Every structure is written in structure tokens, then in C-alpha cells.
Amino acid sequence: MTLAVKVASIAGWSSWREIQMRKVHWFTAAAVGIAMLVGTGEWTFLASPADTTKALGASVQIDPLKMMENARNLPSAHYDDYALVFN
């Protein structure tokens, strides 16, 4: 009889498997807790209203109307319409 089995019998646990399952449950609970803390921390950091324009430099505004006005000599697609061709 190993020491772990003796300890299990003294503590009232039924078997070595029960001890192992308790360890697995504790490890799983710890891993889930750590993952929740990390996820919450990152969510808080990314959702914070920090001024990211200073970190990224001057913000660039894209004006779609100017893009359409300045678009010249763009290639056009040609599609053949075979909707009414009956063979």
C-alpha cells in the first residue's frame, strides 16, 4: 500500500482515482480562473478609452467623395450576357 492510498483511507476518500480527480478539478478550476482574469484584463485594456491617436500618430481621414472625383482611367470589367441564349 502506497503512502497516497494510506492518506486516502485516513482522509475518508475511497480510492486513488478520487484523489487524482480532485487534483484534476483543482487544476482545471485554476486554469479557468487564470484564463478569465487574463481575458478580463485584456478586454478592459482594449476597451479603455485611451487616446490611441497619439500612439499611432496623426489620424488620417479618408474622403470617399474625393476618391471618386479623382479616379481616372480605371480598368472596366466586361461581361458577356448569355441570359437569353438558347441552344
C-alpha atoms as a PDB file:
ATOM      1  CA  MET A   1       0.000   0.000   0.000  1.00  0.00           C
ATOM      2  CA  THR A   2       1.455   3.332  -1.052  1.00  0.00           C
ATOM      3  CA  LEU A   3       1.535   6.430   1.053  1.00  0.00           C
ATOM      4  CA  ALA A   4      -1.105   8.141  -1.086  1.00  0.00           C
ATOM      5  CA  VAL A   5      -3.523   5.246  -0.629  1.00  0.00           C
ATOM      6  CA  LYS A   6      -2.929   5.302   3.134  1.00  0.00           C
ATOM      7  CA  VAL A   7      -3.575   9.030   3.234  1.00  0.00           C
ATOM      8  CA  ALA A   8      -6.717   8.499   1.173  1.00  0.00           C
ATOM      9  CA  SER A   9      -8.027   5.870   3.528  1.00  0.00           C
ATOM     10  CA  ILE A  10      -7.305   8.047   6.563  1.00  0.00           C
ATOM     11  CA  ALA A  11      -8.938  11.094   4.956  1.00  0.00           C
ATOM     12  CA  GLY A  12     -12.014   9.090   4.049  1.00  0.00           C
ATOM     13  CA  TRP A  13     -11.538   9.145   0.303  1.00  0.00           C
ATOM     14  CA  SER A  14     -12.462   5.981  -1.457  1.00  0.00           C
ATOM     15  CA  SER A  15      -9.586   5.492  -3.861  1.00  0.00           C
ATOM     16  CA  TRP A  16      -6.528   6.884  -5.573  1.00  0.00           C
ATOM     17  CA  ARG A  17      -8.709   7.849  -8.545  1.00  0.00           C
ATOM     18  CA  GLU A  18     -10.720  10.154  -6.355  1.00  0.00           C
ATOM     19  CA  ILE A  19      -7.524  11.889  -5.234  1.00  0.00           C
ATOM     20  CA  GLN A  20      -6.442  12.195  -8.850  1.00  0.00           C
ATOM     21  CA  MET A  21      -9.817  13.615  -9.852  1.00  0.00           C
ATOM     22  CA  ARG A  22      -9.616  16.179  -7.059  1.00  0.00           C
ATOM     23  CA  LYS A  23      -6.218  17.272  -8.387  1.00  0.00           C
ATOM     24  CA  VAL A  24      -7.618  17.484 -11.920  1.00  0.00           C
ATOM     25  CA  HIS A  25     -10.576  19.517 -10.731  1.00  0.00           C
ATOM     26  CA  TRP A  26      -8.339  21.938  -8.841  1.00  0.00           C
ATOM     27  CA  PHE A  27      -6.025  22.301 -11.826  1.00  0.00           C
ATOM     28  CA  THR A  28      -8.967  22.884 -14.166  1.00  0.00           C
ATOM     29  CA  ALA A  29     -10.513  25.436 -11.824  1.00  0.00           C
ATOM     30  CA  ALA A  30      -7.191  27.254 -11.540  1.00  0.00           C
ATOM     31  CA  ALA A  31      -6.691  27.254 -15.320  1.00  0.00           C
ATOM     32  CA  VAL A  32     -10.201  28.572 -15.945  1.00  0.00           C
ATOM     33  CA  GLY A  33      -9.725  31.252 -13.291  1.00  0.00           C
ATOM     34  CA  ILE A  34      -6.452  32.399 -14.802  1.00  0.00           C
ATOM     35  CA  ALA A  35      -7.958  32.432 -18.288  1.00  0.00           C
ATOM     36  CA  MET A  36     -10.868  34.527 -17.024  1.00  0.00           C
ATOM     37  CA  LEU A  37      -8.540  37.006 -15.344  1.00  0.00           C
ATOM     38  CA  VAL A  38      -6.368  37.338 -18.438  1.00  0.00           C
ATOM     39  CA  GLY A  39      -9.404  37.711 -20.694  1.00  0.00           C
ATOM     40  CA  THR A  40     -10.999  40.306 -18.454  1.00  0.00           C
ATOM     41  CA  GLY A  41      -7.734  42.212 -18.207  1.00  0.00           C
ATOM     42  CA  GLU A  42      -7.244  42.288 -21.959  1.00  0.00           C
ATOM     43  CA  TRP A  43     -10.871  43.228 -22.550  1.00  0.00           C
ATOM     44  CA  THR A  44     -10.525  46.086 -20.082  1.00  0.00           C
ATOM     45  CA  PHE A  45      -7.263  47.232 -21.629  1.00  0.00           C
ATOM     46  CA  LEU A  46      -8.551  47.100 -25.194  1.00  0.00           C
ATOM     47  CA  ALA A  47     -11.894  48.699 -24.332  1.00  0.00           C
ATOM     48  CA  SER A  48     -10.365  51.541 -22.353  1.00  0.00           C
ATOM     49  CA  PRO A  49     -10.838  54.976 -23.864  1.00  0.00           C
ATOM     50  CA  ALA A  50      -7.117  55.535 -24.195  1.00  0.00           C
ATOM     51  CA  ASP A  51      -6.036  58.115 -26.723  1.00  0.00           C
ATOM     52  CA  THR A  52      -4.692  55.826 -29.426  1.00  0.00           C
ATOM     53  CA  THR A  53      -4.261  58.616 -31.971  1.00  0.00           C
ATOM     54  CA  LYS A  54      -1.224  59.898 -30.097  1.00  0.00           C
ATOM     55  CA  ALA A  55       0.330  56.467 -30.090  1.00  0.00           C
ATOM     56  CA  LEU A  56      -0.395  55.907 -33.787  1.00  0.00           C
ATOM     57  CA  GLY A  57       0.436  59.407 -34.921  1.00  0.00           C
ATOM     58  CA  ALA A  58      -1.931  61.791 -36.674  1.00  0.00           C
ATOM     59  CA  SER A  59      -5.168  60.164 -37.713  1.00  0.00           C
ATOM     60  CA  VAL A  60      -5.822  60.028 -41.428  1.00  0.00           C
ATOM     61  CA  GLN A  61      -9.330  60.723 -42.692  1.00  0.00           C
ATOM     62  CA  ILE A  62     -10.403  59.005 -45.895  1.00  0.00           C
ATOM     63  CA  ASP A  63     -12.793  61.001 -48.041  1.00  0.00           C
ATOM     64  CA  PRO A  64     -14.725  58.667 -50.386  1.00  0.00           C
ATOM     65  CA  LEU A  65     -16.135  61.541 -52.432  1.00  0.00           C
ATOM     66  CA  LYS A  66     -12.615  62.815 -53.237  1.00  0.00           C
ATOM     67  CA  MET A  67     -11.567  59.289 -54.178  1.00  0.00           C
ATOM     68  CA  MET A  68     -14.437  59.032 -56.681  1.00  0.00           C
ATOM     69  CA  GLU A  69     -13.757  62.509 -58.079  1.00  0.00           C
ATOM     70  CA  ASN A  70     -10.052  61.786 -58.607  1.00  0.00           C
ATOM     71  CA  ALA A  71     -10.460  58.320 -60.097  1.00  0.00           C
ATOM     72  CA  ARG A  72      -9.328  58.445 -63.712  1.00  0.00           C
ATOM     73  CA  ASN A  73      -8.627  55.770 -66.354  1.00  0.00           C
ATOM     74  CA  LEU A  74      -9.659  52.833 -64.203  1.00  0.00           C
ATOM     75  CA  PRO A  75      -9.986  49.480 -65.957  1.00  0.00           C
ATOM     76  CA  SER A  76     -13.558  48.417 -66.552  1.00  0.00           C
ATOM     77  CA  ALA A  77     -14.843  44.888 -66.467  1.00  0.00           C
ATOM     78  CA  HIS A  78     -16.632  43.490 -69.480  1.00  0.00           C
ATOM     79  CA  TYR A  79     -19.193  40.780 -69.002  1.00  0.00           C
ATOM     80  CA  ASP A  80     -20.972  38.953 -71.802  1.00  0.00           C
ATOM     81  CA  ASP A  81     -24.651  38.473 -71.097  1.00  0.00           C
ATOM     82  CA  TYR A  82     -25.702  34.961 -72.058  1.00  0.00           C
ATOM     83  CA  ALA A  83     -29.016  35.108 -70.235  1.00  0.00           C
ATOM     84  CA  LEU A  84     -31.154  34.882 -73.393  1.00  0.00           C
ATOM     85  CA  VAL A  85     -29.042  32.451 -75.428  1.00  0.00           C
ATOM     86  CA  PHE A  86     -30.943  29.237 -76.164  1.00  0.00           C
ATOM     87  CA  ASN A  87     -29.148  26.353 -77.880  1.00  0.00           C
END
